[in-house]
């Protein structure tokens, strides 16, 4: 492989290039060894971008990245392509840059980036972003002498409209671009950990110890293998009686589902998000000792065509299955004096529900419930299935973080000694579904109750472990008679107490 131009891009709220630690130097040192890709040390750049000012938004960063990149490429030569290695928010920044400057402009064949290697990227956001915008986050930023970075945090908040927009294009539009098969291929990789560095655990902020994450970003939020499902209520039929219409609209219908192109995703053993001991980037030392992050990056850099990319994608998938096997799920934390703490690292999944109506408006007044069992009862859901739930106030989107093992069932987990059982077997309770509950009373504009139609047998096959699924639920916006009337009575009349009538078709 020819010498590579390598550009590093850091994450949110970083104020110094020491955030990269010894990883750049280590990769340069690895290039001198035989059998690996050659890295040209003279063409290695460390990104510095401003995310700690509230006025800066993600599109501003992608625009600024393009401006900073062009002189570097001009100096490197017309034929030079670059490898980009990002950490955390750096992943979405570069993805947004690629989307704006090469996908939306239909210039993907001219993109100078050959490899995008994302370390713990917040591709679907981070649960911590909502807290970063809170008063506590503002106080911390004040002590650090910076601003919280409201503009970037808006993008990073789970279920944000900006993140959903980019990721929906990734799922629905990007597959037909066949990026790995073009004459100028582009290879994307996600490397993320699921280890919690207990030394960095913040008791005020339990997300820093969240199972299924690296303490900041969930595996499901990092992974670019994702799906988009659309469910909808039937349309209103003109002149239909109110009881008949309510009954017919009670069933949600399946419209379609789409899946992203297969993307190389690696769970890096022993890696947390940050920190010098376990951080996926900061823990790398330029000492020549084996390191899981360095090994994974070098494997990514060796990819040169669609065949080798597909082979590495499959290899990563097999390794992930071993990493999350039943025998590897138990973590025991030794605590002085007190009893040891046990953690079970079950695979999790993230689901973003977008509740929209037939006019494209959000429907924040309805309540969404997950159900289980043949009676579609929320009370039958297995214990521990829901790890977290967040509501995005700007978009109205609702994000569920689900224990996938609790939903699918899980064999007993062995204890630390032969013959011991750390956790008993979990039994699944299918089929899983959902219900939409409307607000009480009669209203002139309504969204009615509904649930999964019988043609959709089970919600579970739509949701994969370590992945995000965006589910659009399109509700019919019901306008009732009486919302607007005309009268020929010229005598003054009050219509303050008008009651809603039938359905306007």
Protein backbone atom coordinates (compact mmCIF):
# COMPACT_ATOMS: atom_id res chain seq x y z
CA UNK A 1 0.00 0.00 0.00
CA UNK A 2 1.24 3.51 -0.79
CA UNK A 3 2.08 5.95 1.99
CA UNK A 4 -1.03 7.19 3.73
CA UNK A 5 -2.02 10.68 4.73
CA UNK A 6 -3.64 10.27 8.17
CA UNK A 7 -5.89 12.84 9.84
CA UNK A 8 -7.11 12.52 13.44
CA UNK A 9 -10.33 14.18 14.59
CA UNK A 10 -11.16 14.37 18.30
CA UNK A 11 -14.48 14.50 20.17
CA UNK A 12 -16.72 17.04 21.91
CA UNK A 13 -15.45 19.57 24.47
CA UNK A 14 -11.77 18.84 23.79
CA UNK A 15 -9.43 21.78 24.32
CA UNK A 16 -5.98 20.23 23.72
CA UNK A 17 -4.37 17.83 21.25
CA UNK A 18 -3.12 15.77 24.19
CA UNK A 19 -6.51 14.05 23.85
CA UNK A 20 -4.96 11.85 21.13
CA UNK A 21 -2.39 10.51 23.58
CA UNK A 22 0.30 8.32 22.02
CA UNK A 23 -1.92 6.75 19.35
CA UNK A 24 -0.57 8.85 16.41
CA UNK A 25 3.04 8.10 17.37
CA UNK A 26 2.23 4.42 17.89
CA UNK A 27 0.70 4.09 14.43
CA UNK A 28 3.70 5.83 12.91
CA UNK A 29 5.98 3.39 14.74
CA UNK A 30 3.90 0.42 13.54
CA UNK A 31 4.46 1.56 9.96
CA UNK A 32 8.15 0.70 10.24
CA UNK A 33 7.35 -2.93 10.94
CA UNK A 34 7.02 -5.41 8.12
CA UNK A 35 3.66 -6.62 6.91
CA UNK A 36 1.65 -3.56 7.88
CA UNK A 37 0.37 -0.56 5.95
CA UNK A 38 2.95 2.17 5.49
CA UNK A 39 2.08 5.39 7.31
CA UNK A 40 3.90 8.49 6.16
CA UNK A 41 4.81 10.35 9.37
CA UNK A 42 5.29 13.57 7.41
CA UNK A 43 1.65 13.43 6.42
CA UNK A 44 0.03 12.89 9.81
CA UNK A 45 -2.26 15.67 11.04
CA UNK A 46 -4.03 16.23 14.35
CA UNK A 47 -7.39 17.96 14.14
CA UNK A 48 -8.26 20.90 16.42
CA UNK A 49 -11.85 22.09 16.31
CA UNK A 50 -14.02 24.27 18.52
CA UNK A 51 -16.92 22.43 20.11
CA UNK A 52 -16.93 24.27 23.45
CA UNK A 53 -18.65 27.42 22.19
CA UNK A 54 -22.45 27.41 22.19
CA UNK A 55 -22.84 29.07 18.78
CA UNK A 56 -20.94 26.31 16.94
CA UNK A 57 -23.11 23.61 15.41
CA UNK A 58 -22.16 20.37 13.66
CA UNK A 59 -22.70 21.72 10.10
CA UNK A 60 -20.34 24.59 10.98
CA UNK A 61 -17.68 22.05 11.94
CA UNK A 62 -18.05 20.06 8.73
CA UNK A 63 -17.81 23.28 6.72
CA UNK A 64 -14.69 24.31 8.66
CA UNK A 65 -13.19 20.84 8.22
CA UNK A 66 -13.53 21.16 4.46
CA UNK A 67 -11.77 24.54 4.54
CA UNK A 68 -8.94 23.19 6.70
CA UNK A 69 -8.59 20.06 4.59
CA UNK A 70 -8.16 21.63 1.16
CA UNK A 71 -4.69 23.20 1.73
CA UNK A 72 -3.46 19.90 3.19
CA UNK A 73 -4.66 17.97 0.15
CA UNK A 74 -3.18 20.55 -2.22
CA UNK A 75 0.20 20.22 -0.54
CA UNK A 76 0.00 16.41 -0.55
CA UNK A 77 -0.65 16.21 -4.28
CA UNK A 78 -3.63 15.63 -6.55
CA UNK A 79 -3.61 11.84 -6.25
CA UNK A 80 -3.30 11.70 -2.48
CA UNK A 81 -6.20 10.23 -0.51
CA UNK A 82 -6.42 10.34 3.26
CA UNK A 83 -7.36 8.09 6.13
CA UNK A 84 -9.43 9.69 8.88
CA UNK A 85 -9.33 8.33 12.44
CA UNK A 86 -11.92 9.88 14.72
CA UNK A 87 -12.92 9.65 18.35
CA UNK A 88 -16.44 10.11 19.77
CA UNK A 89 -18.14 13.19 18.23
CA UNK A 90 -15.43 13.31 15.58
CA UNK A 91 -17.27 10.46 13.83
CA UNK A 92 -20.50 12.41 13.26
CA UNK A 93 -18.48 15.51 12.29
CA UNK A 94 -16.69 13.70 9.46
CA UNK A 95 -19.83 11.81 8.42
CA UNK A 96 -21.68 15.13 8.16
CA UNK A 97 -18.80 16.57 6.12
CA UNK A 98 -18.88 13.60 3.73
CA UNK A 99 -22.67 13.78 3.44
CA UNK A 100 -22.79 17.52 2.72
CA UNK A 101 -19.81 17.83 0.40
CA UNK A 102 -19.90 14.53 -1.49
CA UNK A 103 -23.19 12.63 -1.07
CA UNK A 104 -25.74 15.42 -1.39
CA UNK A 105 -23.69 16.97 -4.22
CA UNK A 106 -23.41 13.55 -5.95
CA UNK A 107 -19.61 13.69 -5.93
CA UNK A 108 -18.86 10.55 -3.93
CA UNK A 109 -16.50 9.33 -6.66
CA UNK A 110 -14.32 12.39 -6.04
CA UNK A 111 -14.10 12.06 -2.26
CA UNK A 112 -10.44 12.15 -1.14
CA UNK A 113 -11.14 10.03 1.97
CA UNK A 114 -10.44 6.33 1.54
CA UNK A 115 -10.91 5.04 5.12
CA UNK A 116 -13.01 6.42 7.96
CA UNK A 117 -12.07 4.61 11.18
CA UNK A 118 -14.34 5.75 14.01
CA UNK A 119 -13.38 5.04 17.62
CA UNK A 120 -16.43 5.03 19.93
CA UNK A 121 -18.42 7.35 17.65
CA UNK A 122 -21.68 8.88 18.86
CA UNK A 123 -23.34 8.17 15.51
CA UNK A 124 -26.84 8.05 17.01
CA UNK A 125 -25.98 10.37 19.89
CA UNK A 126 -25.18 9.87 23.54
CA UNK A 127 -27.40 9.66 26.61
CA UNK A 128 -24.92 11.98 28.33
CA UNK A 129 -25.66 14.86 25.93
CA UNK A 130 -28.95 15.67 27.63
CA UNK A 131 -27.13 15.96 30.95
CA UNK A 132 -24.33 17.96 29.37
CA UNK A 133 -26.89 20.64 28.54
CA UNK A 134 -28.23 20.69 32.10
CA UNK A 135 -27.32 23.08 34.89
CA UNK A 136 -24.73 20.60 36.17
CA UNK A 137 -23.03 20.52 32.78
CA UNK A 138 -23.06 24.31 32.59
CA UNK A 139 -21.43 24.58 36.02
CA UNK A 140 -18.68 22.13 35.01
CA UNK A 141 -18.06 24.06 31.79
CA UNK A 142 -17.82 27.30 33.77
CA UNK A 143 -15.14 25.83 36.02
CA UNK A 144 -13.28 24.57 32.94
CA UNK A 145 -13.35 28.07 31.42
CA UNK A 146 -15.44 27.07 28.40
CA UNK A 147 -19.10 26.98 27.36
CA UNK A 148 -21.11 23.72 27.35
CA UNK A 149 -21.16 23.60 23.56
CA UNK A 150 -24.95 23.75 23.25
CA UNK A 151 -24.94 23.67 19.44
CA UNK A 152 -23.05 20.37 19.22
CA UNK A 153 -24.93 18.87 22.18
CA UNK A 154 -28.22 19.53 20.38
CA UNK A 155 -27.06 17.15 17.62
CA UNK A 156 -25.74 14.60 20.12
CA UNK A 157 -28.90 14.40 22.23
CA UNK A 158 -30.64 11.08 21.62
CA UNK A 159 -33.38 11.33 19.00
CA UNK A 160 -32.28 14.75 17.75
CA UNK A 161 -33.78 15.76 14.39
CA UNK A 162 -30.33 16.41 12.93
CA UNK A 163 -28.93 13.00 13.87
CA UNK A 164 -32.08 11.25 12.64
CA UNK A 165 -31.91 13.11 9.33
CA UNK A 166 -28.33 12.01 8.65
CA UNK A 167 -28.89 8.45 9.83
CA UNK A 168 -32.11 8.01 7.86
CA UNK A 169 -30.23 8.99 4.71
CA UNK A 170 -27.52 6.54 5.70
CA UNK A 171 -30.08 3.73 6.03
CA UNK A 172 -32.36 4.54 3.10
CA UNK A 173 -30.16 6.24 0.48
CA UNK A 174 -26.54 5.24 1.00
CA UNK A 175 -26.85 1.49 0.21
CA UNK A 176 -27.41 2.14 -3.48
CA UNK A 177 -24.20 4.21 -3.62
CA UNK A 178 -22.18 0.99 -3.08
CA UNK A 179 -19.30 2.99 -1.61
CA UNK A 180 -16.98 0.00 -1.17
CA UNK A 181 -17.41 -1.13 -4.76
CA UNK A 182 -16.78 2.12 -6.64
CA UNK A 183 -13.64 2.99 -8.56
CA UNK A 184 -12.71 5.33 -5.70
CA UNK A 185 -13.90 3.19 -2.77
CA UNK A 186 -14.65 4.51 0.70
CA UNK A 187 -14.44 2.13 3.65
CA UNK A 188 -16.07 2.91 6.99
CA UNK A 189 -15.33 1.16 10.27
CA UNK A 190 -16.71 1.46 13.81
CA UNK A 191 -14.55 0.33 16.72
CA UNK A 192 -16.14 0.69 20.14
CA UNK A 193 -15.89 -0.82 23.61
CA UNK A 194 -18.36 -1.93 26.24
CA UNK A 195 -16.08 -1.74 29.27
CA UNK A 196 -16.77 0.63 32.15
CA UNK A 197 -13.75 2.20 33.80
CA UNK A 198 -15.00 2.12 37.38
CA UNK A 199 -12.41 4.74 38.35
CA UNK A 200 -14.24 7.25 36.15
CA UNK A 201 -17.73 6.36 37.39
CA UNK A 202 -19.72 9.43 38.43
CA UNK A 203 -22.27 8.61 41.13
CA UNK A 204 -24.25 11.74 40.22
CA UNK A 205 -24.44 10.57 36.60
CA UNK A 206 -25.26 6.84 36.35
CA UNK A 207 -24.88 6.88 32.55
CA UNK A 208 -21.11 6.68 33.12
CA UNK A 209 -21.64 3.10 34.31
CA UNK A 210 -24.36 2.07 31.87
CA UNK A 211 -24.20 -1.57 30.73
CA UNK A 212 -24.10 -1.82 26.95
CA UNK A 213 -21.96 1.31 26.69
CA UNK A 214 -18.37 2.40 27.18
CA UNK A 215 -19.39 4.89 29.84
CA UNK A 216 -20.32 7.58 27.29
CA UNK A 217 -21.51 6.02 24.03
CA UNK A 218 -23.67 2.91 23.73
CA UNK A 219 -22.58 0.17 21.35
CA UNK A 220 -25.97 0.47 19.66
CA UNK A 221 -25.46 4.23 19.21
CA UNK A 222 -21.97 3.77 17.76
CA UNK A 223 -22.85 0.96 15.34
CA UNK A 224 -23.77 2.04 11.81
CA UNK A 225 -25.61 -1.22 11.11
CA UNK A 226 -29.15 0.06 11.61
CA UNK A 227 -32.74 -0.25 10.41
CA UNK A 228 -35.70 1.98 9.64
CA UNK A 229 -39.26 0.70 10.10
CA UNK A 230 -42.47 2.51 9.14
CA UNK A 231 -45.84 1.69 10.71
CA UNK A 232 -48.96 3.71 10.07
CA UNK A 233 -52.66 4.00 10.81
CA UNK A 234 -55.15 3.69 7.95
CA UNK A 235 -56.53 6.88 6.42
CA UNK A 236 -59.89 8.42 7.27
CA UNK A 237 -62.75 7.46 4.96
CA UNK A 238 -65.17 10.25 4.17
CA UNK A 239 -68.59 9.76 5.76
CA UNK A 240 -67.52 6.81 7.91
CA UNK A 241 -69.37 6.60 11.25
CA UNK A 242 -67.26 7.53 14.26
CA UNK A 243 -67.35 4.09 16.00
CA UNK A 244 -66.40 2.30 12.79
CA UNK A 245 -63.55 4.72 12.11
CA UNK A 246 -62.16 4.32 15.65
CA UNK A 247 -62.21 0.52 15.30
CA UNK A 248 -60.55 0.49 11.89
CA UNK A 249 -57.82 2.96 12.88
CA UNK A 250 -56.97 0.91 15.95
CA UNK A 251 -54.68 -1.33 13.91
CA UNK A 252 -51.24 -0.11 12.93
CA UNK A 253 -50.20 -1.38 9.52
CA UNK A 254 -46.71 -2.34 8.44
CA UNK A 255 -45.51 -0.15 5.54
CA UNK A 256 -41.88 -1.07 4.97
CA UNK A 257 -38.50 -1.69 6.53
CA UNK A 258 -35.04 -0.86 5.24
CA UNK A 259 -31.59 -1.75 6.43
CA UNK A 260 -28.30 0.06 6.09
CA UNK A 261 -25.42 -1.32 4.08
CA UNK A 262 -23.35 -3.80 6.07
CA UNK A 263 -20.66 -1.89 7.94
CA UNK A 264 -17.57 -3.22 9.71
CA UNK A 265 -18.25 -3.06 13.46
CA UNK A 266 -15.81 -4.28 16.10
CA UNK A 267 -16.33 -4.51 19.87
CA UNK A 268 -12.89 -3.72 21.25
CA UNK A 269 -12.20 -5.89 24.29
CA UNK A 270 -11.41 -4.03 27.49
CA UNK A 271 -12.00 -0.58 25.98
CA UNK A 272 -13.88 2.24 27.66
CA UNK A 273 -14.63 5.63 26.13
CA UNK A 274 -11.90 7.69 27.76
CA UNK A 275 -9.16 7.62 30.35
CA UNK A 276 -5.52 6.61 30.31
CA UNK A 277 -6.07 3.10 31.65
CA UNK A 278 -8.87 1.71 29.47
CA UNK A 279 -9.79 4.48 27.03
CA UNK A 280 -10.06 3.20 23.47
CA UNK A 281 -7.69 5.96 22.33
CA UNK A 282 -5.89 7.35 25.38
CA UNK A 283 -4.79 3.96 26.73
CA UNK A 284 -2.61 3.31 23.67
CA UNK A 285 1.11 3.50 24.47
CA UNK A 286 3.95 3.85 22.01
CA UNK A 287 5.76 0.93 23.58
CA UNK A 288 5.24 -1.81 21.01
CA UNK A 289 3.13 -3.87 23.42
CA UNK A 290 0.02 -5.54 21.96
CA UNK A 291 -3.06 -3.32 22.12
CA UNK A 292 -6.56 -4.19 20.91
CA UNK A 293 -7.22 -0.73 19.44
CA UNK A 294 -3.96 -0.66 17.49
CA UNK A 295 -4.54 -4.18 16.17
CA UNK A 296 -8.07 -3.32 15.02
CA UNK A 297 -6.96 -0.08 13.30
CA UNK A 298 -4.16 -1.85 11.42
CA UNK A 299 -6.61 -4.50 10.25
CA UNK A 300 -8.87 -1.73 8.93
CA UNK A 301 -5.98 -0.04 7.13
CA UNK A 302 -5.15 -3.26 5.30
CA UNK A 303 -8.56 -3.19 3.58
CA UNK A 304 -8.09 -2.22 -0.05
CA UNK A 305 -11.16 -3.52 -1.91
CA UNK A 306 -14.75 -4.67 -1.45
CA UNK A 307 -13.73 -8.30 -0.93
CA UNK A 308 -11.29 -7.59 1.90
CA UNK A 309 -13.82 -5.20 3.47
CA UNK A 310 -16.55 -7.86 3.44
CA UNK A 311 -14.13 -10.42 4.91
CA UNK A 312 -13.13 -8.11 7.75
CA UNK A 313 -16.77 -7.22 8.42
CA UNK A 314 -17.57 -10.91 8.81
CA UNK A 315 -14.50 -11.51 10.97
CA UNK A 316 -15.45 -8.65 13.28
CA UNK A 317 -18.99 -10.04 13.57
CA UNK A 318 -17.71 -13.47 14.59
CA UNK A 319 -15.35 -11.93 17.14
CA UNK A 320 -18.19 -9.83 18.58
CA UNK A 321 -20.26 -12.97 19.11
CA UNK A 322 -17.40 -14.54 21.05
CA UNK A 323 -16.88 -11.34 23.02
CA UNK A 324 -20.53 -11.33 24.15
CA UNK A 325 -20.89 -15.09 24.67
CA UNK A 326 -22.65 -16.27 27.82
CA UNK A 327 -19.38 -17.25 29.49
CA UNK A 328 -18.00 -13.71 29.07
CA UNK A 329 -20.91 -11.69 30.42
CA UNK A 330 -20.18 -11.73 34.14
CA UNK A 331 -18.00 -8.97 35.57
CA UNK A 332 -17.02 -9.04 39.24
CA UNK A 333 -15.77 -5.85 40.85
CA UNK A 334 -13.71 -6.39 43.96
CA UNK A 335 -14.75 -3.95 46.69
CA UNK A 336 -12.72 -3.63 49.89
CA UNK A 337 -14.65 -4.70 53.02
CA UNK A 338 -18.00 -4.70 51.19
CA UNK A 339 -19.30 -7.67 49.15
CA UNK A 340 -18.10 -7.87 45.54
CA UNK A 341 -20.33 -6.25 42.93
CA UNK A 342 -21.60 -8.23 39.96
CA UNK A 343 -22.44 -6.82 36.54
CA UNK A 344 -23.95 -8.70 33.61
CA UNK A 345 -22.89 -7.35 30.23
CA UNK A 346 -25.95 -8.31 28.21
CA UNK A 347 -26.29 -7.12 24.60
CA UNK A 348 -28.61 -4.11 24.37
CA UNK A 349 -30.51 -2.44 21.55
CA UNK A 350 -31.67 1.11 21.01
CA UNK A 351 -35.00 2.05 19.45
CA UNK A 352 -35.89 5.61 18.43
CA UNK A 353 -39.63 6.09 18.05
CA UNK A 354 -40.71 9.01 15.88
CA UNK A 355 -44.40 9.71 16.51
CA UNK A 356 -45.61 11.71 13.53
CA UNK A 357 -49.07 12.29 12.14
CA UNK A 358 -50.41 12.41 8.61
CA UNK A 359 -49.59 16.13 8.42
CA UNK A 360 -45.96 15.54 9.38
CA UNK A 361 -46.43 17.00 12.86
CA UNK A 362 -45.23 15.34 16.05
CA UNK A 363 -47.79 13.86 18.41
CA UNK A 364 -46.33 14.47 21.88
CA UNK A 365 -49.65 14.05 23.70
CA UNK A 366 -49.95 10.32 23.00
CA UNK A 367 -48.38 7.65 25.18
CA UNK A 368 -46.39 4.74 23.75
CA UNK A 369 -46.38 1.42 25.60
CA UNK A 370 -44.49 -1.76 24.77
CA UNK A 371 -46.43 -5.00 25.29
CA UNK A 372 -45.70 -8.70 25.66
CA UNK A 373 -47.47 -12.01 25.58
CA UNK A 374 -50.57 -13.21 23.71
CA UNK A 375 -52.75 -10.64 25.51
CA UNK A 376 -50.50 -7.73 24.47
CA UNK A 377 -50.12 -6.66 28.09
CA UNK A 378 -47.40 -4.19 29.21
CA UNK A 379 -47.38 -5.94 32.58
CA UNK A 380 -46.12 -9.13 30.93
CA UNK A 381 -42.84 -7.60 29.77
CA UNK A 382 -39.83 -9.39 31.27
CA UNK A 383 -38.12 -7.88 34.27
CA UNK A 384 -35.14 -5.72 33.40
CA UNK A 385 -36.08 -5.28 29.72
CA UNK A 386 -35.98 -1.45 29.86
CA UNK A 387 -32.58 -0.01 30.70
CA UNK A 388 -33.39 3.63 29.91
CA UNK A 389 -35.77 5.99 28.17
CA UNK A 390 -35.19 9.57 27.00
CA UNK A 391 -37.49 12.14 25.44
CA UNK A 392 -36.09 14.71 23.03
CA UNK A 393 -37.97 17.95 23.62
CA UNK A 394 -36.96 19.50 20.30
CA UNK A 395 -38.07 16.63 18.07
CA UNK A 396 -40.60 14.83 20.26
CA UNK A 397 -38.74 11.57 19.57
CA UNK A 398 -38.61 8.91 22.25
CA UNK A 399 -35.52 6.69 22.66
CA UNK A 400 -35.73 3.33 24.42
CA UNK A 401 -32.61 1.44 25.50
CA UNK A 402 -33.59 -2.22 25.76
CA UNK A 403 -31.88 -5.24 27.24
CA UNK A 404 -31.98 -7.50 24.20
CA UNK A 405 -31.13 -10.59 26.27
CA UNK A 406 -34.15 -10.02 28.50
CA UNK A 407 -36.43 -9.81 25.46
CA UNK A 408 -35.02 -12.84 23.61
CA UNK A 409 -34.40 -14.98 26.66
CA UNK A 410 -31.00 -15.88 28.03
CA UNK A 411 -29.49 -19.13 29.34
CA UNK A 412 -28.24 -19.23 32.90
CA UNK A 413 -24.95 -17.39 33.34
CA UNK A 414 -22.26 -19.43 35.08
CA UNK A 415 -20.62 -18.13 38.22
CA UNK A 416 -16.91 -17.58 38.82
CA UNK A 417 -16.39 -21.13 40.09
CA UNK A 418 -17.28 -24.44 38.36
CA UNK A 419 -20.86 -25.49 39.06
CA UNK A 420 -21.94 -22.03 40.24
CA UNK A 421 -24.77 -20.06 38.65
CA UNK A 422 -24.45 -16.29 38.73
CA UNK A 423 -27.86 -15.65 37.15
CA UNK A 424 -30.76 -17.97 36.46
CA UNK A 425 -32.18 -18.49 33.00
CA UNK A 426 -34.32 -15.71 31.56
CA UNK A 427 -37.48 -16.72 29.70
CA UNK A 428 -38.70 -14.68 26.73
CA UNK A 429 -42.32 -13.54 26.65
CA UNK A 430 -43.24 -13.05 22.99
CA UNK A 431 -44.91 -11.78 20.99
CA UNK A 432 -43.79 -8.22 21.66
CA UNK A 433 -45.81 -5.31 20.38
CA UNK A 434 -46.75 -1.74 21.12
CA UNK A 435 -49.79 0.36 21.87
CA UNK A 436 -50.50 4.02 21.33
CA UNK A 437 -52.74 5.52 24.00
CA UNK A 438 -54.51 8.78 23.24
CA UNK A 439 -55.35 11.51 25.72
CA UNK A 440 -58.66 11.29 27.52
CA UNK A 441 -61.79 13.12 26.45
CA UNK A 442 -63.21 14.43 23.17
CA UNK A 443 -61.13 16.90 21.16
CA UNK A 444 -61.50 18.73 17.87
CA UNK A 445 -58.12 17.41 16.68
CA UNK A 446 -57.15 13.96 17.91
CA UNK A 447 -54.76 11.05 17.55
CA UNK A 448 -56.56 7.81 18.27
CA UNK A 449 -55.46 4.69 20.08
CA UNK A 450 -53.79 2.03 17.99
CA UNK A 451 -51.62 -1.08 18.23
CA UNK A 452 -49.64 -3.37 15.98
CA UNK A 453 -51.84 -5.01 13.35
CA UNK A 454 -52.09 -8.81 13.32
CA UNK A 455 -50.05 -8.85 10.11
CA UNK A 456 -47.07 -7.71 12.18
CA UNK A 457 -46.63 -10.75 14.35
CA UNK A 458 -43.83 -9.55 16.59
CA UNK A 459 -41.82 -6.41 17.17
CA UNK A 460 -38.69 -8.31 18.23
CA UNK A 461 -37.40 -9.36 14.77
CA UNK A 462 -37.26 -5.65 13.91
CA UNK A 463 -34.78 -4.99 16.73
CA UNK A 464 -31.20 -6.31 16.68
CA UNK A 465 -28.66 -6.48 19.48
CA UNK A 466 -26.00 -3.72 19.50
CA UNK A 467 -27.95 -1.78 16.87
CA UNK A 468 -30.33 1.16 16.58
CA UNK A 469 -33.73 0.85 14.96
CA UNK A 470 -35.66 3.96 14.00
CA UNK A 471 -39.39 3.23 14.03
CA UNK A 472 -41.70 5.80 12.48
CA UNK A 473 -45.27 5.56 13.70
CA UNK A 474 -47.46 7.62 11.40
CA UNK A 475 -50.71 8.45 13.15
CA UNK A 476 -53.76 9.72 11.32
CA UNK A 477 -54.53 13.29 12.33
CA UNK A 478 -58.26 13.25 13.00
CA UNK A 479 -60.15 16.52 12.61
CA UNK A 480 -63.68 16.49 14.00
CA UNK A 481 -66.78 18.24 12.68
CA UNK A 482 -67.42 21.51 14.45
CA UNK A 483 -63.84 22.69 14.15
CA UNK A 484 -65.05 25.18 11.53
CA UNK A 485 -68.67 26.03 10.72
CA UNK A 486 -70.46 28.67 8.67
CA UNK A 487 -73.77 30.19 9.70
CA UNK A 488 -76.38 32.46 8.11
CA UNK A 489 -77.67 33.60 11.49
CA UNK A 490 -76.79 37.29 11.79
CA UNK A 491 -77.84 37.39 15.41
CA UNK A 492 -74.86 37.13 17.76
CA UNK A 493 -74.21 33.53 18.84
CA UNK A 494 -71.62 32.02 21.18
CA UNK A 495 -69.87 28.86 20.00
CA UNK A 496 -67.64 28.53 23.05
CA UNK A 497 -69.29 25.29 24.15
CA UNK A 498 -69.38 23.58 20.76
CA UNK A 499 -68.86 19.82 21.03
CA UNK A 500 -66.77 17.82 18.53
CA UNK A 501 -68.88 15.99 15.97
CA UNK A 502 -68.10 13.33 13.40
CA UNK A 503 -64.94 12.86 11.43
CA UNK A 504 -64.01 15.18 8.59
CA UNK A 505 -62.83 13.06 5.68
